[in-house]
N, C-alpha and C. Protein backbone atom coordinates (compact mmCIF):
# COMPACT_ATOMS: atom_id res chain seq x y z
N MET A 1 87.77 121.99 69.12
CA MET A 1 87.50 122.31 70.54
C MET A 1 88.71 123.01 71.14
N SER A 2 88.52 124.01 71.94
CA SER A 2 89.61 124.79 72.51
C SER A 2 90.38 123.99 73.54
N ASN A 3 91.61 124.44 73.81
CA ASN A 3 92.44 123.80 74.84
C ASN A 3 91.78 123.91 76.20
N GLN A 4 91.10 125.05 76.43
CA GLN A 4 90.42 125.24 77.71
C GLN A 4 89.32 124.21 77.92
N SER A 5 88.57 123.90 76.83
CA SER A 5 87.50 122.90 76.93
C SER A 5 88.09 121.52 77.17
N ASN A 6 89.19 121.21 76.48
CA ASN A 6 89.85 119.91 76.69
C ASN A 6 90.32 119.77 78.14
N GLN A 7 90.91 120.84 78.67
CA GLN A 7 91.39 120.81 80.04
C GLN A 7 90.25 120.60 81.02
N HIS A 8 89.10 121.25 80.72
CA HIS A 8 87.93 121.12 81.58
C HIS A 8 87.45 119.68 81.62
N GLN A 9 87.45 118.99 80.45
CA GLN A 9 87.02 117.60 80.41
C GLN A 9 87.97 116.70 81.20
N VAL A 10 89.27 116.95 81.09
CA VAL A 10 90.26 116.16 81.83
C VAL A 10 90.05 116.33 83.33
N ASP A 11 89.81 117.58 83.76
CA ASP A 11 89.59 117.84 85.18
C ASP A 11 88.37 117.08 85.70
N ILE A 12 87.27 117.09 84.92
CA ILE A 12 86.07 116.38 85.34
C ILE A 12 86.33 114.89 85.43
N PHE A 13 87.05 114.32 84.44
CA PHE A 13 87.34 112.89 84.45
C PHE A 13 88.17 112.51 85.67
N ASN A 14 89.20 113.32 85.95
CA ASN A 14 90.04 113.02 87.10
C ASN A 14 89.24 113.06 88.39
N SER A 15 88.34 114.03 88.51
CA SER A 15 87.52 114.16 89.70
C SER A 15 86.61 112.94 89.87
N ASN A 16 85.95 112.54 88.77
CA ASN A 16 85.08 111.37 88.83
C ASN A 16 85.87 110.10 89.13
N HIS A 17 87.04 109.99 88.53
CA HIS A 17 87.88 108.82 88.76
C HIS A 17 88.28 108.72 90.22
N GLN A 18 88.66 109.85 90.81
CA GLN A 18 89.06 109.85 92.21
C GLN A 18 87.88 109.54 93.13
N GLN A 19 86.70 110.05 92.77
CA GLN A 19 85.51 109.75 93.56
C GLN A 19 85.19 108.25 93.52
N LYS A 20 85.38 107.64 92.35
CA LYS A 20 85.14 106.20 92.23
C LYS A 20 86.13 105.42 93.08
N GLN A 21 87.40 105.83 93.06
CA GLN A 21 88.42 105.16 93.86
C GLN A 21 88.12 105.30 95.35
N PHE A 22 87.68 106.50 95.75
CA PHE A 22 87.34 106.74 97.15
C PHE A 22 86.20 105.82 97.58
N ALA A 23 85.17 105.69 96.72
CA ALA A 23 84.04 104.81 97.04
C ALA A 23 84.47 103.35 97.14
N GLU A 24 85.37 102.92 96.24
CA GLU A 24 85.85 101.54 96.28
C GLU A 24 86.64 101.27 97.55
N LEU A 25 87.48 102.21 97.94
CA LEU A 25 88.26 102.07 99.17
C LEU A 25 87.33 101.98 100.38
N CYS A 26 86.35 102.86 100.45
CA CYS A 26 85.41 102.86 101.58
C CYS A 26 84.64 101.54 101.65
N ASN A 27 84.16 101.07 100.51
CA ASN A 27 83.42 99.80 100.49
C ASN A 27 84.28 98.64 100.98
N ALA A 28 85.52 98.58 100.50
CA ALA A 28 86.42 97.51 100.92
C ALA A 28 86.70 97.58 102.41
N LEU A 29 86.90 98.78 102.92
CA LEU A 29 87.19 98.96 104.35
C LEU A 29 85.98 98.63 105.21
N TYR A 30 84.80 99.06 104.80
CA TYR A 30 83.58 98.73 105.55
C TYR A 30 83.37 97.22 105.60
N GLU A 31 83.49 96.57 104.47
CA GLU A 31 83.27 95.12 104.42
C GLU A 31 84.24 94.40 105.35
N ARG A 32 85.50 94.81 105.31
CA ARG A 32 86.53 94.15 106.11
C ARG A 32 86.34 94.42 107.60
N GLU A 33 86.07 95.68 107.94
CA GLU A 33 85.98 96.04 109.35
C GLU A 33 84.71 95.49 110.00
N LEU A 34 83.60 95.48 109.28
CA LEU A 34 82.37 94.92 109.84
C LEU A 34 82.51 93.42 110.07
N HIS A 35 83.19 92.73 109.15
CA HIS A 35 83.44 91.29 109.36
C HIS A 35 84.33 91.09 110.59
N PHE A 36 85.36 91.93 110.73
CA PHE A 36 86.26 91.81 111.88
C PHE A 36 85.51 92.03 113.18
N LEU A 37 84.66 93.05 113.24
CA LEU A 37 83.90 93.34 114.45
C LEU A 37 82.91 92.23 114.77
N ALA A 38 82.33 91.64 113.72
CA ALA A 38 81.37 90.55 113.94
C ALA A 38 82.04 89.32 114.53
N VAL A 39 83.28 89.06 114.12
CA VAL A 39 83.99 87.86 114.56
C VAL A 39 84.83 88.10 115.82
N PHE A 40 85.54 89.24 115.83
CA PHE A 40 86.51 89.49 116.91
C PHE A 40 86.18 90.71 117.76
N GLY A 41 85.07 91.36 117.48
CA GLY A 41 84.74 92.60 118.17
C GLY A 41 84.42 92.39 119.64
N PRO A 42 84.36 93.50 120.41
CA PRO A 42 84.09 93.41 121.85
C PRO A 42 82.71 92.84 122.14
N LYS A 43 82.61 92.05 123.19
CA LYS A 43 81.33 91.47 123.59
C LYS A 43 80.45 92.48 124.32
N ASN A 44 81.11 93.47 124.92
CA ASN A 44 80.38 94.52 125.63
C ASN A 44 79.62 95.39 124.63
N LEU A 45 78.31 95.51 124.78
CA LEU A 45 77.47 96.20 123.81
C LEU A 45 77.82 97.68 123.68
N SER A 46 78.04 98.36 124.80
CA SER A 46 78.33 99.79 124.75
C SER A 46 79.67 100.05 124.05
N LEU A 47 80.65 99.16 124.29
CA LEU A 47 81.95 99.32 123.63
C LEU A 47 81.82 99.07 122.13
N LEU A 48 81.04 98.06 121.77
CA LEU A 48 80.80 97.77 120.36
C LEU A 48 80.09 98.95 119.68
N GLN A 49 79.12 99.55 120.37
CA GLN A 49 78.41 100.70 119.81
C GLN A 49 79.36 101.88 119.58
N ARG A 50 80.30 102.10 120.49
CA ARG A 50 81.28 103.17 120.32
C ARG A 50 82.17 102.90 119.11
N ARG A 51 82.58 101.64 118.95
CA ARG A 51 83.42 101.27 117.81
C ARG A 51 82.67 101.52 116.50
N LEU A 52 81.41 101.12 116.47
CA LEU A 52 80.60 101.31 115.27
C LEU A 52 80.33 102.79 115.01
N GLY A 53 80.15 103.54 116.09
CA GLY A 53 79.86 104.97 115.95
C GLY A 53 81.00 105.74 115.32
N GLY A 54 82.23 105.32 115.59
CA GLY A 54 83.38 106.02 115.04
C GLY A 54 83.89 105.44 113.73
N LEU A 55 83.22 104.39 113.26
CA LEU A 55 83.71 103.67 112.08
C LEU A 55 83.73 104.54 110.83
N ALA A 56 82.65 105.28 110.58
CA ALA A 56 82.57 106.09 109.36
C ALA A 56 83.71 107.11 109.31
N TYR A 57 83.98 107.78 110.43
CA TYR A 57 85.05 108.78 110.46
C TYR A 57 86.39 108.16 110.14
N HIS A 58 86.72 107.04 110.78
CA HIS A 58 88.03 106.42 110.58
C HIS A 58 88.20 105.86 109.17
N ILE A 59 87.12 105.30 108.63
CA ILE A 59 87.20 104.74 107.27
C ILE A 59 87.37 105.85 106.23
N LYS A 60 86.62 106.92 106.36
CA LYS A 60 86.78 108.04 105.42
C LYS A 60 88.18 108.64 105.53
N ASN A 61 88.68 108.74 106.75
CA ASN A 61 90.03 109.27 106.97
C ASN A 61 91.07 108.39 106.31
N ALA A 62 90.94 107.07 106.50
CA ALA A 62 91.88 106.13 105.90
C ALA A 62 91.83 106.18 104.38
N ALA A 63 90.61 106.22 103.81
CA ALA A 63 90.45 106.25 102.36
C ALA A 63 91.05 107.52 101.75
N GLU A 64 90.79 108.67 102.37
CA GLU A 64 91.33 109.93 101.88
C GLU A 64 92.85 109.93 101.92
N ASN A 65 93.41 109.42 103.02
CA ASN A 65 94.87 109.41 103.15
C ASN A 65 95.52 108.43 102.18
N LEU A 66 94.87 107.31 101.93
CA LEU A 66 95.41 106.35 100.96
C LEU A 66 95.42 106.96 99.55
N LEU A 67 94.35 107.68 99.21
CA LEU A 67 94.28 108.29 97.88
C LEU A 67 95.31 109.40 97.70
N ASN A 68 95.62 110.11 98.76
CA ASN A 68 96.52 111.26 98.68
C ASN A 68 97.92 110.96 99.20
N HIS A 69 98.29 109.70 99.23
CA HIS A 69 99.57 109.31 99.81
C HIS A 69 100.74 109.75 98.93
N ASN A 70 101.92 109.87 99.55
CA ASN A 70 103.15 110.12 98.81
C ASN A 70 104.17 109.03 99.12
N ALA A 71 103.67 107.83 99.36
CA ALA A 71 104.53 106.70 99.71
C ALA A 71 105.12 106.06 98.46
N PRO A 72 106.28 105.40 98.61
CA PRO A 72 106.91 104.73 97.46
C PRO A 72 106.34 103.34 97.24
N ILE A 73 105.09 103.13 97.63
CA ILE A 73 104.38 101.87 97.43
C ILE A 73 103.01 102.17 96.85
N GLU A 74 102.42 101.17 96.21
CA GLU A 74 101.16 101.37 95.50
C GLU A 74 99.95 101.05 96.38
N VAL A 75 98.83 101.65 96.05
CA VAL A 75 97.57 101.37 96.73
C VAL A 75 96.68 100.50 95.83
N ASP A 76 96.19 99.41 96.36
CA ASP A 76 95.19 98.58 95.68
C ASP A 76 93.82 99.04 96.17
N VAL A 77 93.11 99.80 95.35
CA VAL A 77 91.84 100.39 95.80
C VAL A 77 90.76 99.32 95.99
N HIS A 78 90.88 98.18 95.30
CA HIS A 78 89.86 97.14 95.41
C HIS A 78 89.93 96.42 96.76
N ASN A 79 91.15 96.32 97.30
CA ASN A 79 91.33 95.63 98.58
C ASN A 79 91.73 96.57 99.72
N ALA A 80 91.84 97.87 99.42
CA ALA A 80 92.26 98.86 100.42
C ALA A 80 93.53 98.40 101.12
N SER A 81 94.56 98.16 100.31
CA SER A 81 95.83 97.68 100.86
C SER A 81 97.00 98.30 100.12
N TRP A 82 98.16 98.25 100.76
CA TRP A 82 99.41 98.68 100.14
C TRP A 82 100.03 97.49 99.41
N GLN A 83 100.71 97.78 98.29
CA GLN A 83 101.34 96.73 97.50
C GLN A 83 102.78 97.12 97.18
N ALA A 84 103.70 96.17 97.37
CA ALA A 84 105.10 96.37 97.01
C ALA A 84 105.78 95.02 96.90
N LYS A 85 106.88 94.97 96.19
CA LYS A 85 107.63 93.72 96.03
C LYS A 85 108.09 93.21 97.39
N GLN A 86 107.95 91.91 97.61
CA GLN A 86 108.30 91.31 98.88
C GLN A 86 109.66 90.63 98.81
N SER A 87 110.46 90.79 99.87
CA SER A 87 111.76 90.13 99.91
C SER A 87 111.57 88.63 100.08
N ALA A 88 112.57 87.85 99.66
CA ALA A 88 112.47 86.39 99.68
C ALA A 88 112.41 85.83 101.10
N SER A 89 113.06 86.50 102.04
CA SER A 89 113.05 86.05 103.44
C SER A 89 112.72 87.22 104.35
N CYS A 90 112.36 86.92 105.57
CA CYS A 90 111.92 87.95 106.51
C CYS A 90 113.02 88.97 106.76
N ILE A 91 112.67 90.26 106.66
CA ILE A 91 113.66 91.33 106.83
C ILE A 91 114.18 91.42 108.26
N ALA A 92 113.51 90.77 109.22
CA ALA A 92 113.96 90.81 110.61
C ALA A 92 115.30 90.10 110.79
N LYS A 93 115.70 89.27 109.83
CA LYS A 93 116.98 88.57 109.91
C LYS A 93 118.14 89.56 109.86
N ARG A 94 117.88 90.77 109.39
CA ARG A 94 118.94 91.79 109.29
C ARG A 94 119.01 92.67 110.53
N HIS A 95 118.30 92.28 111.58
CA HIS A 95 118.24 93.09 112.80
C HIS A 95 119.62 93.25 113.42
N ASP A 96 119.90 94.47 113.88
CA ASP A 96 121.18 94.78 114.54
C ASP A 96 120.87 95.54 115.83
N ASP A 97 121.24 94.97 116.97
CA ASP A 97 120.92 95.57 118.28
C ASP A 97 121.47 96.99 118.41
N GLU A 98 122.73 97.18 118.05
CA GLU A 98 123.37 98.48 118.25
C GLU A 98 122.75 99.57 117.37
N LYS A 99 122.50 99.23 116.11
CA LYS A 99 121.89 100.22 115.21
C LYS A 99 120.46 100.54 115.63
N THR A 100 119.74 99.53 116.12
CA THR A 100 118.37 99.74 116.58
C THR A 100 118.37 100.67 117.79
N GLU A 101 119.25 100.42 118.76
CA GLU A 101 119.33 101.25 119.95
C GLU A 101 119.69 102.69 119.59
N ALA A 102 120.67 102.86 118.70
CA ALA A 102 121.10 104.20 118.31
C ALA A 102 119.96 104.96 117.63
N TRP A 103 119.19 104.25 116.79
CA TRP A 103 118.08 104.92 116.09
C TRP A 103 117.03 105.39 117.07
N PHE A 104 116.62 104.53 118.00
CA PHE A 104 115.55 104.91 118.93
C PHE A 104 116.01 105.97 119.93
N LYS A 105 117.27 106.00 120.28
CA LYS A 105 117.76 107.06 121.15
C LYS A 105 117.69 108.42 120.47
N SER A 106 117.84 108.43 119.16
CA SER A 106 117.87 109.70 118.41
C SER A 106 116.50 110.13 117.89
N HIS A 107 115.62 109.17 117.57
CA HIS A 107 114.42 109.50 116.83
C HIS A 107 113.09 109.18 117.54
N SER A 108 113.12 108.58 118.71
CA SER A 108 111.87 108.20 119.37
C SER A 108 111.03 109.42 119.73
N LYS A 109 109.72 109.30 119.51
CA LYS A 109 108.79 110.34 119.94
C LYS A 109 107.41 109.72 120.09
N MET A 110 106.58 110.36 120.87
CA MET A 110 105.24 109.86 121.12
C MET A 110 104.44 109.80 119.82
N GLY A 111 103.70 108.69 119.65
CA GLY A 111 102.84 108.53 118.49
C GLY A 111 103.54 108.02 117.25
N LEU A 112 104.85 107.86 117.30
CA LEU A 112 105.60 107.41 116.12
C LEU A 112 105.23 105.98 115.74
N ALA A 113 104.96 105.75 114.46
CA ALA A 113 104.67 104.40 113.96
C ALA A 113 105.98 103.64 113.79
N VAL A 114 106.04 102.44 114.36
CA VAL A 114 107.26 101.64 114.32
C VAL A 114 106.93 100.19 113.95
N PRO A 115 107.92 99.45 113.39
CA PRO A 115 107.68 98.06 112.99
C PRO A 115 108.03 97.08 114.10
N VAL A 116 107.19 96.06 114.25
CA VAL A 116 107.42 95.01 115.25
C VAL A 116 107.40 93.65 114.55
N TYR A 117 108.46 92.89 114.73
CA TYR A 117 108.53 91.53 114.19
C TYR A 117 107.74 90.59 115.09
N VAL A 118 106.89 89.76 114.49
CA VAL A 118 106.09 88.80 115.24
C VAL A 118 106.24 87.43 114.58
N SER A 119 106.55 86.41 115.39
CA SER A 119 106.66 85.04 114.90
C SER A 119 105.71 84.14 115.68
N ASN A 120 104.88 83.39 114.96
CA ASN A 120 103.95 82.44 115.57
C ASN A 120 104.19 81.06 114.97
N LEU A 121 104.83 80.17 115.74
CA LEU A 121 105.07 78.80 115.27
C LEU A 121 105.70 78.78 113.88
N GLY A 122 106.65 79.66 113.65
CA GLY A 122 107.37 79.67 112.38
C GLY A 122 106.82 80.58 111.32
N ASP A 123 105.57 81.06 111.48
CA ASP A 123 105.02 82.05 110.56
C ASP A 123 105.45 83.44 111.03
N GLU A 124 106.05 84.21 110.14
CA GLU A 124 106.64 85.50 110.52
C GLU A 124 106.00 86.65 109.73
N HIS A 125 105.87 87.77 110.40
CA HIS A 125 105.42 88.99 109.73
C HIS A 125 105.88 90.20 110.53
N VAL A 126 105.64 91.38 109.99
CA VAL A 126 105.99 92.64 110.66
C VAL A 126 104.72 93.47 110.79
N GLU A 127 104.45 93.96 111.99
CA GLU A 127 103.26 94.77 112.25
C GLU A 127 103.65 96.22 112.55
N LEU A 128 102.73 97.11 112.30
CA LEU A 128 102.90 98.51 112.71
C LEU A 128 102.27 98.72 114.09
N ASP A 129 103.02 99.39 114.95
CA ASP A 129 102.49 99.79 116.25
C ASP A 129 102.95 101.23 116.49
N SER A 130 102.56 101.83 117.60
CA SER A 130 102.94 103.21 117.85
C SER A 130 103.44 103.37 119.28
N ILE A 131 104.40 104.27 119.46
CA ILE A 131 104.96 104.56 120.77
C ILE A 131 103.98 105.39 121.59
N ASP A 132 103.64 104.91 122.80
CA ASP A 132 102.76 105.71 123.66
C ASP A 132 103.39 106.03 125.02
N ARG A 133 104.65 105.59 125.21
CA ARG A 133 105.35 105.94 126.45
C ARG A 133 106.85 105.80 126.22
N LEU A 134 107.61 106.78 126.68
CA LEU A 134 109.06 106.77 126.52
C LEU A 134 109.75 106.86 127.87
N GLU A 135 110.70 105.96 128.09
CA GLU A 135 111.55 106.02 129.28
C GLU A 135 112.99 105.79 128.81
N LEU A 136 113.50 106.77 128.09
CA LEU A 136 114.81 106.63 127.45
C LEU A 136 115.94 106.53 128.47
N GLU A 137 115.74 107.15 129.64
CA GLU A 137 116.77 107.06 130.67
C GLU A 137 116.91 105.63 131.19
N GLU A 138 115.87 104.84 131.03
CA GLU A 138 115.91 103.43 131.40
C GLU A 138 116.05 102.52 130.17
N ASN A 139 116.32 103.14 129.03
CA ASN A 139 116.55 102.41 127.77
C ASN A 139 115.37 101.51 127.40
N LYS A 140 114.16 102.05 127.52
CA LYS A 140 113.00 101.27 127.12
C LYS A 140 111.88 102.20 126.65
N LEU A 141 110.93 101.61 125.94
CA LEU A 141 109.76 102.34 125.48
C LEU A 141 108.56 101.38 125.45
N HIS A 142 107.37 101.98 125.43
CA HIS A 142 106.15 101.19 125.46
C HIS A 142 105.35 101.44 124.19
N LEU A 143 104.86 100.36 123.59
CA LEU A 143 104.03 100.44 122.39
C LEU A 143 102.57 100.22 122.75
N ASN A 144 101.70 100.85 121.99
CA ASN A 144 100.26 100.82 122.27
C ASN A 144 99.69 99.41 122.35
N LYS A 145 100.11 98.53 121.44
CA LYS A 145 99.59 97.16 121.41
C LYS A 145 100.55 96.15 122.03
N HIS A 146 101.81 96.24 121.67
CA HIS A 146 102.75 95.16 122.00
C HIS A 146 103.52 95.35 123.30
N GLY A 147 103.35 96.49 123.98
CA GLY A 147 103.94 96.65 125.31
C GLY A 147 105.37 97.14 125.32
N TRP A 148 106.12 96.71 126.35
CA TRP A 148 107.46 97.24 126.62
C TRP A 148 108.54 96.52 125.81
N PHE A 149 109.48 97.35 125.30
CA PHE A 149 110.66 96.85 124.60
C PHE A 149 111.88 97.65 125.05
N SER A 150 113.03 97.00 125.04
CA SER A 150 114.27 97.73 125.22
C SER A 150 114.57 98.48 123.93
N LEU A 151 115.47 99.45 123.99
CA LEU A 151 115.82 100.20 122.79
C LEU A 151 116.59 99.35 121.79
N THR A 152 117.13 98.21 122.24
CA THR A 152 117.79 97.30 121.30
C THR A 152 116.77 96.42 120.57
N GLY A 153 115.51 96.46 121.02
CA GLY A 153 114.46 95.72 120.37
C GLY A 153 113.93 94.53 121.13
N GLU A 154 114.54 94.20 122.27
CA GLU A 154 114.13 93.03 123.05
C GLU A 154 112.78 93.27 123.73
N CYS A 155 111.89 92.28 123.65
CA CYS A 155 110.60 92.36 124.34
C CYS A 155 110.83 92.18 125.83
N LEU A 156 110.29 93.10 126.65
CA LEU A 156 110.60 93.11 128.09
C LEU A 156 109.47 92.57 128.95
N GLN A 157 108.44 92.00 128.35
CA GLN A 157 107.34 91.48 129.15
C GLN A 157 106.99 90.07 128.69
N GLU A 158 106.29 89.39 129.56
CA GLU A 158 105.90 88.02 129.24
C GLU A 158 104.94 88.01 128.06
N ILE A 159 105.21 87.13 127.11
CA ILE A 159 104.35 86.99 125.94
C ILE A 159 103.26 85.98 126.26
N GLU A 160 102.01 86.41 126.11
CA GLU A 160 100.88 85.59 126.55
C GLU A 160 100.63 84.39 125.63
N ILE A 161 100.95 84.52 124.35
CA ILE A 161 100.69 83.44 123.40
C ILE A 161 101.88 82.49 123.34
N LYS A 162 101.63 81.22 123.54
CA LYS A 162 102.69 80.22 123.55
C LYS A 162 103.38 80.14 122.19
N HIS A 163 104.70 80.01 122.21
CA HIS A 163 105.53 79.88 121.02
C HIS A 163 105.54 81.13 120.15
N GLN A 164 105.16 82.26 120.71
CA GLN A 164 105.23 83.52 119.96
C GLN A 164 106.50 84.27 120.34
N ASP A 165 107.07 84.96 119.38
CA ASP A 165 108.27 85.76 119.61
C ASP A 165 108.03 87.15 119.03
N LYS A 166 108.54 88.18 119.71
CA LYS A 166 108.38 89.56 119.25
C LYS A 166 109.70 90.30 119.35
N ARG A 167 109.91 91.23 118.44
CA ARG A 167 111.10 92.08 118.50
C ARG A 167 110.78 93.41 117.83
N LEU A 168 111.15 94.49 118.50
CA LEU A 168 111.02 95.82 117.93
C LEU A 168 112.14 96.03 116.92
N LEU A 169 111.79 96.42 115.70
CA LEU A 169 112.78 96.59 114.65
C LEU A 169 113.13 98.06 114.44
N LYS A 170 114.30 98.30 113.93
CA LYS A 170 114.70 99.65 113.55
C LYS A 170 113.87 100.08 112.35
N PRO A 171 113.17 101.21 112.43
CA PRO A 171 112.42 101.69 111.27
C PRO A 171 113.35 101.99 110.10
N SER A 172 113.06 101.41 108.97
CA SER A 172 113.80 101.64 107.74
C SER A 172 112.80 101.48 106.60
N LYS A 173 113.21 101.82 105.39
CA LYS A 173 112.29 101.67 104.27
C LYS A 173 111.84 100.22 104.14
N ASN A 174 112.78 99.26 104.28
CA ASN A 174 112.44 97.85 104.11
C ASN A 174 111.48 97.35 105.19
N SER A 175 111.75 97.71 106.45
CA SER A 175 110.90 97.20 107.54
C SER A 175 109.52 97.87 107.52
N ILE A 176 109.47 99.15 107.16
CA ILE A 176 108.19 99.85 107.11
C ILE A 176 107.35 99.36 105.92
N VAL A 177 107.97 99.14 104.78
CA VAL A 177 107.26 98.60 103.62
C VAL A 177 106.68 97.24 103.95
N ALA A 178 107.48 96.38 104.58
CA ALA A 178 107.00 95.03 104.95
C ALA A 178 105.80 95.11 105.87
N ALA A 179 105.84 96.04 106.83
CA ALA A 179 104.73 96.19 107.76
C ALA A 179 103.48 96.73 107.07
N CYS A 180 103.65 97.74 106.21
CA CYS A 180 102.51 98.35 105.53
C CYS A 180 101.83 97.37 104.57
N CYS A 181 102.61 96.52 103.94
CA CYS A 181 102.08 95.61 102.93
C CYS A 181 101.68 94.26 103.49
N GLY A 182 101.88 94.03 104.79
CA GLY A 182 101.49 92.77 105.40
C GLY A 182 102.35 91.59 104.97
N HIS A 183 103.57 91.85 104.54
CA HIS A 183 104.44 90.77 104.06
C HIS A 183 104.65 89.71 105.15
N SER A 184 104.57 88.46 104.73
CA SER A 184 104.63 87.34 105.67
C SER A 184 105.49 86.22 105.08
N TRP A 185 106.07 85.42 105.98
CA TRP A 185 106.96 84.33 105.57
C TRP A 185 106.77 83.12 106.48
N ASN A 186 107.22 81.96 106.00
CA ASN A 186 107.40 80.78 106.85
C ASN A 186 108.72 80.12 106.50
N HIS A 187 108.94 78.91 106.93
CA HIS A 187 110.23 78.26 106.72
C HIS A 187 110.52 78.00 105.23
N LYS A 188 109.49 78.04 104.40
CA LYS A 188 109.68 77.82 102.96
C LYS A 188 109.93 79.13 102.21
N GLY A 189 109.62 80.26 102.82
CA GLY A 189 109.80 81.54 102.15
C GLY A 189 108.55 82.40 102.23
N LYS A 190 108.24 83.12 101.15
CA LYS A 190 107.11 84.04 101.14
C LYS A 190 105.78 83.30 101.19
N ILE A 191 104.83 83.85 101.94
CA ILE A 191 103.46 83.33 101.97
C ILE A 191 102.50 84.50 101.74
N ARG A 192 101.22 84.21 101.69
CA ARG A 192 100.19 85.22 101.41
C ARG A 192 100.28 86.38 102.41
N PRO A 193 100.30 87.62 101.94
CA PRO A 193 100.35 88.77 102.86
C PRO A 193 99.15 88.79 103.80
N ARG A 194 99.38 89.24 105.00
CA ARG A 194 98.29 89.39 105.96
C ARG A 194 97.55 90.70 105.69
N THR A 195 96.29 90.75 106.12
CA THR A 195 95.48 91.96 105.97
C THR A 195 95.68 92.85 107.17
N LEU A 196 96.00 94.11 106.94
CA LEU A 196 96.19 95.04 108.04
C LEU A 196 94.86 95.38 108.70
N THR A 197 94.89 95.59 110.01
CA THR A 197 93.71 96.09 110.70
C THR A 197 93.51 97.55 110.31
N LEU A 198 92.33 98.09 110.57
CA LEU A 198 92.07 99.50 110.28
C LEU A 198 93.03 100.39 111.06
N ARG A 199 93.33 100.00 112.29
CA ARG A 199 94.28 100.77 113.10
C ARG A 199 95.65 100.82 112.44
N GLU A 200 96.14 99.68 111.97
CA GLU A 200 97.44 99.65 111.31
C GLU A 200 97.42 100.47 110.02
N LEU A 201 96.31 100.38 109.28
CA LEU A 201 96.21 101.12 108.04
C LEU A 201 96.26 102.63 108.30
N LEU A 202 95.56 103.07 109.35
CA LEU A 202 95.61 104.48 109.71
C LEU A 202 97.02 104.89 110.14
N LEU A 203 97.71 104.02 110.88
CA LEU A 203 99.09 104.30 111.27
C LEU A 203 99.98 104.44 110.04
N SER A 204 99.74 103.59 109.05
CA SER A 204 100.58 103.61 107.85
C SER A 204 100.50 104.93 107.11
N THR A 205 99.38 105.63 107.24
CA THR A 205 99.22 106.90 106.54
C THR A 205 99.86 108.06 107.29
N THR A 206 100.41 107.80 108.48
CA THR A 206 101.10 108.86 109.25
C THR A 206 102.60 108.86 109.02
N ILE A 207 103.09 107.89 108.26
CA ILE A 207 104.54 107.72 108.09
C ILE A 207 105.11 108.81 107.19
N ASN A 208 106.21 109.39 107.62
CA ASN A 208 106.94 110.36 106.81
C ASN A 208 108.02 109.61 106.03
N TRP A 209 107.72 109.28 104.78
CA TRP A 209 108.62 108.45 103.98
C TRP A 209 109.93 109.16 103.64
N LYS A 210 109.95 110.48 103.78
CA LYS A 210 111.19 111.20 103.53
C LYS A 210 112.30 110.80 104.50
N ASP A 211 111.90 110.26 105.65
CA ASP A 211 112.90 109.84 106.63
C ASP A 211 113.68 108.60 106.17
N PHE A 212 113.17 107.92 105.14
CA PHE A 212 113.79 106.66 104.71
C PHE A 212 114.33 106.73 103.29
N ARG A 213 114.56 107.92 102.76
CA ARG A 213 115.08 108.06 101.42
C ARG A 213 116.59 108.31 101.43
C-alpha cells in the first residue's frame, strides 16, 4: 500500500477519534448541566427557558475548546474536566498582598479570568471568575460572581454565607491550574476535586497559558 494511502487512513482515524471525543464531551456536559438546572436552576420559567435555549451553543463551544486546547493540563473527555497533579495543601497559603496588588495594577482588564480562594467551614478550593468592572484609581475591581475586591485580594463586601471566606488570588500557573481542575482541600489535606460549572469551564478555555510560562 502506498504512503499516500496509509496517510489517508491515519487522517480518517484521527477525524473519527476526534468526533468520538467531541460526542463524549457533549454528552458529559449535557448530563451535568441538565442535572444542575433541575436541582439549582431558576424557578422563573422564562429564565429557565432562556438558559435551556442557549445550552446547546455553550456546550458545543466548551467541547470544541476543550478538544483544541493548548493548556499544560489534560482533558478527561469522559467527565468533561481538566486533570492535573494536585498540591498537598491549598495554594492560597502562598498568597502575598504586595505581589497580588502589583500584578492586578499591571495586568487587569475586562473579561479576564482570575482565581478566587473560597473557604467554607474549613473546606477550601479555588474558583474561576471574571473581571467585569475596574476602578484601579480606587484600588479595587469587581468580579462577575464574587463582587468587589481590593487589588491586594481582600473581599470588600459582606459575605452572605456564614463562616465563608473569600480572597482574590494573583493569577499564576499554580492558582489557575487549581481553579481549572477543581482542586479542593480540608484540614487533613487533599479531598475530591469539585466539578466546575459550565460557566467556569467556558472561562477556563479563555486563559492564555503563555502568560504563566
